[in-house]
């Protein structure tokens, strides 16, 4: 069994703002993906945001867990050296996990972030 690489979380607000302002965005019905080349590090940083109007804390955390799991499955194929911010849209609240995973895959592919399988 192969060990998956650790997902590095994006925590600093200034990096979120930098990605929103200077990054490229890709949109689907349930997610918005912001991508910016990370010149400071070799690793890819990932941030997930869910706005408060999407529901209470329980709903928002459930959405966040679904997105995080979808990314975890796809993370071995994601190229290194980027800052990625994934934003949940309103439709994400009622979306099934497979829909979120398929749309995240499509967005990562559209952004040319998926590398070859190793």
Protein backbone atom coordinates (compact mmCIF):
# COMPACT_ATOMS: atom_id res chain seq x y z
CA UNK A 1 0.00 0.00 0.00
CA UNK A 2 1.42 3.36 -1.04
CA UNK A 3 1.69 6.15 1.46
CA UNK A 4 -0.08 9.32 0.36
CA UNK A 5 1.74 12.61 0.62
CA UNK A 6 0.69 15.01 3.37
CA UNK A 7 -1.73 17.72 2.34
CA UNK A 8 -0.35 21.08 3.44
CA UNK A 9 -3.10 23.41 4.58
CA UNK A 10 -3.24 27.08 3.66
CA UNK A 11 -3.80 29.10 6.83
CA UNK A 12 -2.55 32.67 6.35
CA UNK A 13 -5.16 35.24 5.34
CA UNK A 14 -2.69 37.22 3.22
CA UNK A 15 -2.08 34.15 1.05
CA UNK A 16 -5.82 33.64 0.56
CA UNK A 17 -6.12 37.31 -0.49
CA UNK A 18 -3.13 36.97 -2.84
CA UNK A 19 -4.69 33.95 -4.57
CA UNK A 20 -8.08 35.70 -4.89
CA UNK A 21 -6.49 38.81 -6.43
CA UNK A 22 -3.72 37.39 -8.62
CA UNK A 23 -4.77 33.78 -9.19
CA UNK A 24 -6.77 32.24 -11.98
CA UNK A 25 -10.28 30.97 -11.22
CA UNK A 26 -12.21 28.00 -12.56
CA UNK A 27 -15.93 27.57 -11.88
CA UNK A 28 -18.32 24.62 -11.73
CA UNK A 29 -21.83 24.30 -10.32
CA UNK A 30 -20.66 23.30 -6.82
CA UNK A 31 -17.08 24.63 -6.54
CA UNK A 32 -14.81 27.51 -7.47
CA UNK A 33 -11.10 26.76 -7.79
CA UNK A 34 -8.48 29.51 -7.46
CA UNK A 35 -4.92 28.66 -8.49
CA UNK A 36 -1.67 30.60 -8.17
CA UNK A 37 1.89 29.47 -8.80
CA UNK A 38 3.77 29.20 -5.49
CA UNK A 39 7.28 30.54 -6.06
CA UNK A 40 8.27 30.36 -2.39
CA UNK A 41 7.88 26.61 -1.85
CA UNK A 42 8.00 23.35 -3.75
CA UNK A 43 4.85 22.01 -2.07
CA UNK A 44 1.23 22.66 -2.95
CA UNK A 45 -0.83 24.48 -0.33
CA UNK A 46 -4.58 23.91 -0.20
CA UNK A 47 -7.23 26.07 1.45
CA UNK A 48 -10.94 25.30 1.64
CA UNK A 49 -13.52 28.00 2.36
CA UNK A 50 -17.25 27.75 3.02
CA UNK A 51 -19.17 30.98 3.57
CA UNK A 52 -21.45 31.38 6.56
CA UNK A 53 -24.57 31.78 4.42
CA UNK A 54 -24.18 28.14 3.29
CA UNK A 55 -25.55 26.95 6.64
CA UNK A 56 -24.70 26.45 10.29
CA UNK A 57 -21.39 25.16 11.59
CA UNK A 58 -22.41 21.51 11.22
CA UNK A 59 -23.41 21.97 7.56
CA UNK A 60 -20.28 23.99 6.75
CA UNK A 61 -18.00 21.42 8.35
CA UNK A 62 -19.75 18.59 6.48
CA UNK A 63 -19.19 20.44 3.19
CA UNK A 64 -15.55 21.06 4.15
CA UNK A 65 -15.01 17.37 4.97
CA UNK A 66 -16.48 16.29 1.63
CA UNK A 67 -14.23 18.68 -0.29
CA UNK A 68 -11.17 17.69 1.74
CA UNK A 69 -11.79 13.98 1.13
CA UNK A 70 -12.35 14.57 -2.60
CA UNK A 71 -9.03 16.44 -2.74
CA UNK A 72 -7.25 13.78 -0.67
CA UNK A 73 -8.20 11.13 -3.21
CA UNK A 74 -6.93 13.29 -6.10
CA UNK A 75 -3.86 14.70 -4.30
CA UNK A 76 -1.33 12.07 -5.49
CA UNK A 77 -1.93 13.30 -9.05
CA UNK A 78 -1.79 17.06 -8.34
CA UNK A 79 1.38 18.87 -9.40
CA UNK A 80 3.58 20.49 -6.77
CA UNK A 81 4.35 24.19 -6.48
CA UNK A 82 0.89 25.79 -6.42
CA UNK A 83 -1.46 27.51 -3.99
CA UNK A 84 -5.01 26.20 -4.40
CA UNK A 85 -8.12 27.67 -2.80
CA UNK A 86 -11.38 25.72 -3.13
CA UNK A 87 -14.57 27.67 -2.44
CA UNK A 88 -17.91 25.91 -1.91
CA UNK A 89 -20.88 27.32 -3.82
CA UNK A 90 -24.51 27.11 -2.73
CA UNK A 91 -25.18 23.92 -4.72
CA UNK A 92 -22.44 22.15 -2.75
CA UNK A 93 -24.72 22.07 0.29
CA UNK A 94 -27.01 19.39 -1.19
CA UNK A 95 -24.53 17.78 -3.59
CA UNK A 96 -23.55 14.14 -3.25
CA UNK A 97 -19.87 13.35 -2.60
CA UNK A 98 -19.33 11.81 -6.05
CA UNK A 99 -20.60 14.99 -7.72
CA UNK A 100 -18.15 17.09 -5.69
CA UNK A 101 -15.31 14.69 -6.49
CA UNK A 102 -16.10 14.64 -10.23
CA UNK A 103 -16.32 18.42 -10.42
CA UNK A 104 -13.10 18.89 -8.45
CA UNK A 105 -11.37 16.48 -10.83
CA UNK A 106 -12.73 18.42 -13.83
CA UNK A 107 -11.58 21.75 -12.38
CA UNK A 108 -8.09 20.46 -11.58
CA UNK A 109 -7.86 19.05 -15.10
CA UNK A 110 -9.04 22.34 -16.62
CA UNK A 111 -6.41 24.17 -14.56
CA UNK A 112 -3.73 21.75 -15.85
CA UNK A 113 -2.81 20.73 -12.31
CA UNK A 114 -3.11 16.98 -12.78
CA UNK A 115 0.19 15.30 -13.59
CA UNK A 116 0.88 11.79 -14.81
CA UNK A 117 0.25 8.84 -12.58
CA UNK A 118 3.41 7.57 -10.95
